[in-house]
Amino acid sequence: MKIAIASDHAGFALKKEIARHVSQLGHEPLDLGAYDAEPSDYPDFAELVGKAIMATTAERGILICGSGVGVSIGANKMPGIRAAICHDTYSAHQGVEHDDMNVLVMGSRIVGSALAFDLVRVYLCAKFQPFEERFVRRLNKLKSIEHLYLRGSGK
C-alpha cells in the first residue's frame, strides 16, 4: 500500500523514522515533506497528504506536527479526508475499522518513536468493516454531511 507521509518542522525527526518503519512493514512511503527541521507551516503538509489521497496517489496518509491538532484540522477541511489524532493503539485501528479513517495523525511532542511505530502498525493492518451495517450507515451519514456543506446549502 502506498502511504503519503508528511510533517511540519516539529514532526520532521519522527516523520523520518516513521517513513523507514512503513517501508519495513512492506508498504511504500511517499514522503511529501518537510525535508528539514527549518520552521514550516503545517497546513501546507496537511493539504499535500489530502491531495495525494484524493488523487489516489496514496491509499492512506500519516501526518505529524507537534501536537497533531493543526494537521488534523487542516486535513479534515478536504473532501473525503477522515483524519484523526491517535495516541493509543485502540483508536488507531478502531478509527479505520469503524470510521474508515484514512489519515493517521500523531503529535511528535506527545508520542515517542516506540508508540508511534505501534500506532502505524495497527493503523496499516486495520481494514474498514463494510459488513457491519452500522459502520456503513454512520460513514454514509458523515459523507452526506460533507456533501451538504460542500454544495454550500448547509447552514
N, C-alpha and C. Protein backbone atom coordinates (compact mmCIF):
# COMPACT_ATOMS: atom_id res chain seq x y z
N MET A 1 0.86 -1.17 0.00
CA MET A 1 0.00 0.00 0.00
C MET A 1 0.91 1.23 0.00
N LYS A 2 0.54 2.24 -0.79
CA LYS A 2 1.29 3.49 -0.82
C LYS A 2 0.73 4.42 0.26
N ILE A 3 1.64 4.95 1.10
CA ILE A 3 1.26 5.76 2.24
C ILE A 3 1.89 7.15 2.11
N ALA A 4 1.07 8.18 1.99
CA ALA A 4 1.56 9.56 1.96
C ALA A 4 1.91 9.98 3.39
N ILE A 5 3.12 10.49 3.56
CA ILE A 5 3.59 10.87 4.89
C ILE A 5 4.13 12.29 4.83
N ALA A 6 3.73 13.12 5.80
CA ALA A 6 4.24 14.49 5.84
C ALA A 6 4.20 15.00 7.27
N SER A 7 4.99 16.03 7.49
CA SER A 7 5.04 16.70 8.79
C SER A 7 5.51 18.12 8.60
N ASP A 8 5.27 18.92 9.62
CA ASP A 8 5.92 20.22 9.65
C ASP A 8 7.28 20.04 10.32
N HIS A 9 7.94 21.13 10.62
CA HIS A 9 9.27 21.06 11.24
C HIS A 9 9.25 20.33 12.58
N ALA A 10 8.18 20.48 13.35
CA ALA A 10 8.11 19.86 14.67
C ALA A 10 8.04 18.34 14.58
N GLY A 11 7.51 17.82 13.51
CA GLY A 11 7.39 16.39 13.35
C GLY A 11 8.43 15.78 12.43
N PHE A 12 9.37 16.60 11.95
CA PHE A 12 10.33 16.14 10.95
C PHE A 12 11.12 14.90 11.38
N ALA A 13 11.70 14.91 12.57
CA ALA A 13 12.52 13.77 13.01
C ALA A 13 11.69 12.50 13.12
N LEU A 14 10.50 12.59 13.71
CA LEU A 14 9.64 11.42 13.83
C LEU A 14 9.17 10.95 12.46
N LYS A 15 8.89 11.88 11.57
CA LYS A 15 8.45 11.50 10.22
C LYS A 15 9.49 10.64 9.51
N LYS A 16 10.75 11.01 9.63
CA LYS A 16 11.82 10.22 9.01
C LYS A 16 11.83 8.80 9.55
N GLU A 17 11.66 8.65 10.87
CA GLU A 17 11.63 7.32 11.48
C GLU A 17 10.40 6.53 11.00
N ILE A 18 9.27 7.21 10.93
CA ILE A 18 8.01 6.57 10.52
C ILE A 18 8.11 6.11 9.07
N ALA A 19 8.71 6.91 8.20
CA ALA A 19 8.85 6.52 6.80
C ALA A 19 9.66 5.23 6.68
N ARG A 20 10.73 5.12 7.44
CA ARG A 20 11.53 3.88 7.43
C ARG A 20 10.70 2.70 7.95
N HIS A 21 9.94 2.96 9.01
CA HIS A 21 9.12 1.90 9.61
C HIS A 21 8.05 1.42 8.62
N VAL A 22 7.43 2.35 7.91
CA VAL A 22 6.41 2.00 6.91
C VAL A 22 7.02 1.07 5.85
N SER A 23 8.24 1.38 5.43
CA SER A 23 8.94 0.52 4.47
C SER A 23 9.20 -0.87 5.05
N GLN A 24 9.63 -0.90 6.30
CA GLN A 24 9.91 -2.18 6.95
C GLN A 24 8.65 -3.03 7.08
N LEU A 25 7.50 -2.38 7.14
CA LEU A 25 6.23 -3.11 7.24
C LEU A 25 5.75 -3.58 5.87
N GLY A 26 6.51 -3.28 4.81
CA GLY A 26 6.16 -3.75 3.48
C GLY A 26 5.32 -2.78 2.66
N HIS A 27 5.20 -1.54 3.12
CA HIS A 27 4.43 -0.54 2.39
C HIS A 27 5.37 0.46 1.74
N GLU A 28 4.83 1.26 0.84
CA GLU A 28 5.64 2.24 0.13
C GLU A 28 5.34 3.64 0.67
N PRO A 29 6.30 4.25 1.38
CA PRO A 29 6.07 5.61 1.86
C PRO A 29 6.28 6.63 0.75
N LEU A 30 5.41 7.61 0.70
CA LEU A 30 5.51 8.74 -0.22
C LEU A 30 5.78 9.96 0.65
N ASP A 31 7.03 10.37 0.75
CA ASP A 31 7.43 11.47 1.64
C ASP A 31 7.12 12.80 0.97
N LEU A 32 6.19 13.54 1.55
CA LEU A 32 5.75 14.82 1.00
C LEU A 32 6.30 16.01 1.78
N GLY A 33 7.31 15.80 2.60
CA GLY A 33 7.93 16.90 3.35
C GLY A 33 7.40 16.93 4.77
N ALA A 34 7.91 17.79 5.52
CA ALA A 34 9.04 18.70 5.37
C ALA A 34 10.31 17.88 5.19
N TYR A 35 11.28 18.50 4.56
CA TYR A 35 12.53 17.81 4.27
C TYR A 35 13.67 18.26 5.17
N ASP A 36 13.36 19.11 6.13
CA ASP A 36 14.34 19.53 7.12
C ASP A 36 13.58 20.11 8.32
N ALA A 37 14.32 20.50 9.33
CA ALA A 37 13.70 20.99 10.57
C ALA A 37 13.56 22.50 10.61
N GLU A 38 13.72 23.16 9.47
CA GLU A 38 13.51 24.61 9.42
C GLU A 38 12.02 24.91 9.61
N PRO A 39 11.69 26.01 10.28
CA PRO A 39 10.28 26.33 10.51
C PRO A 39 9.44 26.26 9.23
N SER A 40 8.30 25.61 9.35
CA SER A 40 7.39 25.45 8.22
C SER A 40 5.96 25.49 8.74
N ASP A 41 5.01 25.52 7.84
CA ASP A 41 3.60 25.68 8.20
C ASP A 41 2.82 24.38 7.98
N TYR A 42 2.24 23.87 9.05
CA TYR A 42 1.54 22.59 9.00
C TYR A 42 0.41 22.52 7.98
N PRO A 43 -0.35 23.60 7.69
CA PRO A 43 -1.43 23.44 6.71
C PRO A 43 -0.93 23.00 5.33
N ASP A 44 0.27 23.42 4.97
CA ASP A 44 0.82 23.03 3.67
C ASP A 44 0.97 21.52 3.56
N PHE A 45 1.40 20.89 4.63
CA PHE A 45 1.63 19.45 4.61
C PHE A 45 0.33 18.66 4.74
N ALA A 46 -0.61 19.19 5.51
CA ALA A 46 -1.93 18.56 5.58
C ALA A 46 -2.57 18.53 4.20
N GLU A 47 -2.43 19.62 3.48
CA GLU A 47 -3.01 19.69 2.14
C GLU A 47 -2.32 18.71 1.19
N LEU A 48 -1.01 18.60 1.26
CA LEU A 48 -0.30 17.67 0.38
C LEU A 48 -0.74 16.22 0.58
N VAL A 49 -0.90 15.82 1.83
CA VAL A 49 -1.35 14.45 2.10
C VAL A 49 -2.80 14.28 1.64
N GLY A 50 -3.65 15.24 1.93
CA GLY A 50 -5.04 15.17 1.48
C GLY A 50 -5.15 15.06 -0.03
N LYS A 51 -4.37 15.87 -0.74
CA LYS A 51 -4.39 15.82 -2.21
C LYS A 51 -3.93 14.46 -2.73
N ALA A 52 -2.92 13.88 -2.11
CA ALA A 52 -2.43 12.57 -2.54
C ALA A 52 -3.51 11.51 -2.40
N ILE A 53 -4.27 11.56 -1.32
CA ILE A 53 -5.35 10.59 -1.12
C ILE A 53 -6.50 10.87 -2.08
N MET A 54 -6.86 12.13 -2.23
CA MET A 54 -7.95 12.49 -3.14
C MET A 54 -7.64 12.08 -4.58
N ALA A 55 -6.37 12.18 -4.97
CA ALA A 55 -5.95 11.83 -6.33
C ALA A 55 -5.64 10.33 -6.47
N THR A 56 -5.80 9.58 -5.40
CA THR A 56 -5.47 8.15 -5.31
C THR A 56 -4.00 7.86 -5.62
N THR A 57 -3.14 8.84 -5.40
CA THR A 57 -1.70 8.64 -5.48
C THR A 57 -1.26 7.81 -4.28
N ALA A 58 -1.99 7.93 -3.19
CA ALA A 58 -1.75 7.15 -1.97
C ALA A 58 -3.09 6.63 -1.47
N GLU A 59 -3.05 5.46 -0.83
CA GLU A 59 -4.28 4.89 -0.28
C GLU A 59 -4.61 5.46 1.09
N ARG A 60 -3.57 5.75 1.86
CA ARG A 60 -3.75 6.31 3.20
C ARG A 60 -2.64 7.32 3.46
N GLY A 61 -2.81 8.05 4.58
CA GLY A 61 -1.81 9.04 4.92
C GLY A 61 -1.45 9.01 6.39
N ILE A 62 -0.30 9.60 6.67
CA ILE A 62 0.17 9.81 8.04
C ILE A 62 0.66 11.25 8.12
N LEU A 63 0.16 11.98 9.11
CA LEU A 63 0.56 13.37 9.32
C LEU A 63 1.09 13.54 10.73
N ILE A 64 2.12 14.37 10.87
CA ILE A 64 2.72 14.61 12.17
C ILE A 64 3.02 16.10 12.32
N CYS A 65 2.63 16.67 13.43
CA CYS A 65 3.08 18.00 13.83
C CYS A 65 3.35 17.92 15.33
N GLY A 66 3.58 19.02 15.97
CA GLY A 66 3.93 18.98 17.39
C GLY A 66 2.88 18.30 18.25
N SER A 67 1.63 18.72 18.11
CA SER A 67 0.55 18.15 18.92
C SER A 67 -0.33 17.20 18.12
N GLY A 68 -0.34 17.35 16.82
CA GLY A 68 -1.25 16.61 15.95
C GLY A 68 -2.51 17.40 15.63
N VAL A 69 -2.82 18.39 16.42
CA VAL A 69 -4.07 19.14 16.26
C VAL A 69 -4.10 19.91 14.94
N GLY A 70 -3.05 20.66 14.66
CA GLY A 70 -3.06 21.51 13.47
C GLY A 70 -3.23 20.74 12.18
N VAL A 71 -2.43 19.69 11.99
CA VAL A 71 -2.54 18.93 10.74
C VAL A 71 -3.86 18.18 10.66
N SER A 72 -4.41 17.79 11.80
CA SER A 72 -5.71 17.12 11.80
C SER A 72 -6.80 18.07 11.31
N ILE A 73 -6.80 19.27 11.84
CA ILE A 73 -7.79 20.27 11.40
C ILE A 73 -7.62 20.54 9.91
N GLY A 74 -6.38 20.76 9.49
CA GLY A 74 -6.12 21.06 8.08
C GLY A 74 -6.58 19.96 7.15
N ALA A 75 -6.22 18.74 7.46
CA ALA A 75 -6.58 17.61 6.59
C ALA A 75 -8.09 17.42 6.51
N ASN A 76 -8.78 17.62 7.62
CA ASN A 76 -10.23 17.40 7.64
C ASN A 76 -11.01 18.47 6.91
N LYS A 77 -10.36 19.50 6.43
CA LYS A 77 -11.03 20.51 5.60
C LYS A 77 -11.22 20.03 4.17
N MET A 78 -10.58 18.93 3.82
CA MET A 78 -10.59 18.46 2.44
C MET A 78 -11.63 17.35 2.24
N PRO A 79 -12.33 17.39 1.11
CA PRO A 79 -13.37 16.38 0.85
C PRO A 79 -12.79 14.96 0.85
N GLY A 80 -13.48 14.08 1.53
CA GLY A 80 -13.10 12.67 1.55
C GLY A 80 -12.00 12.31 2.52
N ILE A 81 -11.46 13.30 3.21
CA ILE A 81 -10.39 13.01 4.16
C ILE A 81 -11.00 12.84 5.55
N ARG A 82 -10.62 11.73 6.17
CA ARG A 82 -11.06 11.43 7.53
C ARG A 82 -9.80 11.20 8.36
N ALA A 83 -9.32 12.29 8.93
CA ALA A 83 -8.08 12.27 9.70
C ALA A 83 -8.41 12.31 11.18
N ALA A 84 -7.65 11.57 11.97
CA ALA A 84 -7.87 11.57 13.41
C ALA A 84 -6.55 11.44 14.16
N ILE A 85 -6.46 12.20 15.25
CA ILE A 85 -5.30 12.08 16.13
C ILE A 85 -5.47 10.80 16.93
N CYS A 86 -4.45 9.97 16.89
CA CYS A 86 -4.47 8.73 17.65
C CYS A 86 -3.17 8.63 18.43
N HIS A 87 -3.32 8.58 19.74
CA HIS A 87 -2.16 8.42 20.60
C HIS A 87 -2.28 7.14 21.42
N ASP A 88 -3.17 6.24 20.97
CA ASP A 88 -3.30 4.91 21.57
C ASP A 88 -3.65 3.93 20.45
N THR A 89 -3.27 2.69 20.61
CA THR A 89 -3.44 1.71 19.54
C THR A 89 -4.91 1.37 19.27
N TYR A 90 -5.74 1.41 20.28
CA TYR A 90 -7.16 1.11 20.06
C TYR A 90 -7.76 2.09 19.06
N SER A 91 -7.54 3.38 19.28
CA SER A 91 -8.08 4.39 18.36
C SER A 91 -7.49 4.25 16.97
N ALA A 92 -6.23 3.89 16.87
CA ALA A 92 -5.57 3.78 15.57
C ALA A 92 -6.17 2.69 14.70
N HIS A 93 -6.56 1.57 15.28
CA HIS A 93 -7.19 0.54 14.44
C HIS A 93 -8.70 0.71 14.40
N GLN A 94 -9.32 1.10 15.49
CA GLN A 94 -10.78 1.26 15.52
C GLN A 94 -11.21 2.39 14.57
N GLY A 95 -10.40 3.43 14.45
CA GLY A 95 -10.74 4.53 13.54
C GLY A 95 -10.86 4.07 12.10
N VAL A 96 -10.06 3.11 11.71
CA VAL A 96 -10.14 2.54 10.36
C VAL A 96 -11.31 1.56 10.29
N GLU A 97 -11.39 0.64 11.24
CA GLU A 97 -12.38 -0.43 11.20
C GLU A 97 -13.81 0.09 11.27
N HIS A 98 -14.07 1.09 12.08
CA HIS A 98 -15.44 1.59 12.28
C HIS A 98 -15.75 2.85 11.47
N ASP A 99 -14.74 3.71 11.24
CA ASP A 99 -14.99 5.03 10.66
C ASP A 99 -14.31 5.26 9.33
N ASP A 100 -13.61 4.28 8.82
CA ASP A 100 -12.88 4.37 7.55
C ASP A 100 -11.90 5.55 7.55
N MET A 101 -11.24 5.75 8.68
CA MET A 101 -10.22 6.79 8.80
C MET A 101 -9.13 6.52 7.76
N ASN A 102 -8.74 7.57 7.03
CA ASN A 102 -7.72 7.37 6.00
C ASN A 102 -6.44 8.18 6.26
N VAL A 103 -6.41 8.94 7.35
CA VAL A 103 -5.18 9.64 7.74
C VAL A 103 -4.97 9.49 9.25
N LEU A 104 -3.85 8.90 9.59
CA LEU A 104 -3.43 8.79 10.98
C LEU A 104 -2.64 10.04 11.33
N VAL A 105 -3.02 10.69 12.43
CA VAL A 105 -2.34 11.91 12.86
C VAL A 105 -1.72 11.66 14.23
N MET A 106 -0.48 12.12 14.38
CA MET A 106 0.22 11.98 15.65
C MET A 106 0.92 13.28 16.01
N GLY A 107 1.08 13.49 17.30
CA GLY A 107 1.83 14.63 17.80
C GLY A 107 3.22 14.18 18.22
N SER A 108 4.23 14.76 17.60
CA SER A 108 5.60 14.34 17.90
C SER A 108 6.04 14.74 19.30
N ARG A 109 5.35 15.71 19.88
CA ARG A 109 5.67 16.12 21.25
C ARG A 109 4.84 15.35 22.27
N ILE A 110 4.02 14.43 21.77
CA ILE A 110 3.13 13.65 22.63
C ILE A 110 3.56 12.19 22.67
N VAL A 111 3.90 11.62 21.52
CA VAL A 111 4.26 10.21 21.45
C VAL A 111 5.74 10.05 21.11
N GLY A 112 6.35 9.01 21.63
CA GLY A 112 7.72 8.66 21.28
C GLY A 112 7.73 7.70 20.11
N SER A 113 8.91 7.37 19.65
CA SER A 113 9.06 6.50 18.48
C SER A 113 8.42 5.13 18.68
N ALA A 114 8.64 4.51 19.81
CA ALA A 114 8.12 3.16 20.03
C ALA A 114 6.60 3.12 19.92
N LEU A 115 5.93 4.05 20.58
CA LEU A 115 4.47 4.10 20.48
C LEU A 115 4.04 4.46 19.07
N ALA A 116 4.73 5.39 18.44
CA ALA A 116 4.39 5.77 17.07
C ALA A 116 4.48 4.57 16.13
N PHE A 117 5.49 3.74 16.29
CA PHE A 117 5.63 2.54 15.46
C PHE A 117 4.45 1.60 15.67
N ASP A 118 4.03 1.43 16.91
CA ASP A 118 2.86 0.59 17.20
C ASP A 118 1.60 1.17 16.57
N LEU A 119 1.43 2.48 16.67
CA LEU A 119 0.25 3.14 16.10
C LEU A 119 0.20 2.93 14.59
N VAL A 120 1.32 3.13 13.94
CA VAL A 120 1.40 2.95 12.49
C VAL A 120 1.11 1.51 12.11
N ARG A 121 1.67 0.57 12.82
CA ARG A 121 1.46 -0.85 12.51
C ARG A 121 -0.01 -1.22 12.58
N VAL A 122 -0.69 -0.86 13.68
CA VAL A 122 -2.10 -1.26 13.80
C VAL A 122 -2.98 -0.49 12.82
N TYR A 123 -2.64 0.76 12.54
CA TYR A 123 -3.37 1.57 11.55
C TYR A 123 -3.29 0.92 10.17
N LEU A 124 -2.08 0.54 9.77
CA LEU A 124 -1.90 -0.02 8.43
C LEU A 124 -2.46 -1.44 8.30
N CYS A 125 -2.56 -2.16 9.39
CA CYS A 125 -3.14 -3.52 9.36
C CYS A 125 -4.66 -3.50 9.38
N ALA A 126 -5.23 -2.41 9.86
CA ALA A 126 -6.69 -2.35 10.02
C ALA A 126 -7.40 -2.16 8.68
N LYS A 127 -8.59 -2.72 8.60
CA LYS A 127 -9.43 -2.60 7.41
C LYS A 127 -10.83 -2.16 7.84
N PHE A 128 -11.44 -1.29 7.02
CA PHE A 128 -12.82 -0.90 7.28
C PHE A 128 -13.69 -2.15 7.24
N GLN A 129 -14.71 -2.20 8.09
CA GLN A 129 -15.59 -3.37 8.19
C GLN A 129 -16.93 -3.09 7.51
N PRO A 130 -16.99 -3.20 6.18
CA PRO A 130 -18.22 -2.86 5.46
C PRO A 130 -19.36 -3.84 5.68
N PHE A 131 -19.06 -4.99 6.28
CA PHE A 131 -20.11 -5.97 6.56
C PHE A 131 -20.91 -5.59 7.80
N GLU A 132 -20.43 -4.62 8.55
CA GLU A 132 -21.16 -4.12 9.72
C GLU A 132 -22.06 -2.97 9.28
N GLU A 133 -23.34 -3.21 9.19
CA GLU A 133 -24.30 -2.23 8.67
C GLU A 133 -24.22 -0.91 9.40
N ARG A 134 -24.02 -0.93 10.70
CA ARG A 134 -23.99 0.31 11.47
C ARG A 134 -22.79 1.17 11.09
N PHE A 135 -21.65 0.56 10.76
CA PHE A 135 -20.48 1.34 10.36
C PHE A 135 -20.70 1.99 9.00
N VAL A 136 -21.30 1.23 8.08
CA VAL A 136 -21.59 1.76 6.75
C VAL A 136 -22.62 2.89 6.86
N ARG A 137 -23.66 2.69 7.66
CA ARG A 137 -24.69 3.71 7.85
C ARG A 137 -24.07 5.01 8.39
N ARG A 138 -23.22 4.88 9.39
CA ARG A 138 -22.59 6.07 10.00
C ARG A 138 -21.64 6.76 9.04
N LEU A 139 -20.88 5.97 8.29
CA LEU A 139 -19.97 6.56 7.31
C LEU A 139 -20.76 7.31 6.24
N ASN A 140 -21.85 6.73 5.79
CA ASN A 140 -22.70 7.40 4.80
C ASN A 140 -23.29 8.69 5.35
N LYS A 141 -23.61 8.72 6.62
CA LYS A 141 -24.10 9.96 7.23
C LYS A 141 -23.01 11.03 7.25
N LEU A 142 -21.79 10.62 7.56
CA LEU A 142 -20.68 11.57 7.52
C LEU A 142 -20.48 12.12 6.11
N LYS A 143 -20.54 11.25 5.14
CA LYS A 143 -20.38 11.68 3.75
C LYS A 143 -21.50 12.62 3.33
N SER A 144 -22.72 12.35 3.80
CA SER A 144 -23.85 13.23 3.48
C SER A 144 -23.66 14.62 4.07
N ILE A 145 -23.18 14.68 5.29
CA ILE A 145 -22.91 15.98 5.92
C ILE A 145 -21.85 16.73 5.10
N GLU A 146 -20.80 16.03 4.74
CA GLU A 146 -19.72 16.65 3.95
C GLU A 146 -20.26 17.20 2.64
N HIS A 147 -21.03 16.40 1.91
CA HIS A 147 -21.56 16.84 0.62
C HIS A 147 -22.53 18.00 0.77
N LEU A 148 -23.32 18.00 1.80
CA LEU A 148 -24.26 19.09 2.05
C LEU A 148 -23.52 20.43 2.15
N TYR A 149 -22.45 20.43 2.92
CA TYR A 149 -21.71 21.67 3.13
C TYR A 149 -20.79 22.01 1.97
N LEU A 150 -20.36 21.03 1.21
CA LEU A 150 -19.57 21.30 0.01
C LEU A 150 -20.40 22.03 -1.04
N ARG A 151 -21.68 21.68 -1.11
CA ARG A 151 -22.59 22.33 -2.07
C ARG A 151 -22.96 23.73 -1.61
N GLY A 152 -22.66 24.07 -0.38
CA GLY A 152 -22.98 25.42 0.11
C GLY A 152 -24.40 25.58 0.59
N SER A 153 -25.15 24.47 0.69
CA SER A 153 -26.53 24.59 1.13
C SER A 153 -26.69 24.35 2.62
N GLY A 154 -25.62 23.95 3.29
CA GLY A 154 -25.70 23.74 4.73
C GLY A 154 -25.63 25.06 5.48
N LYS A 155 -26.20 25.09 6.66
CA LYS A 155 -26.19 26.33 7.45
C LYS A 155 -25.59 26.09 8.79
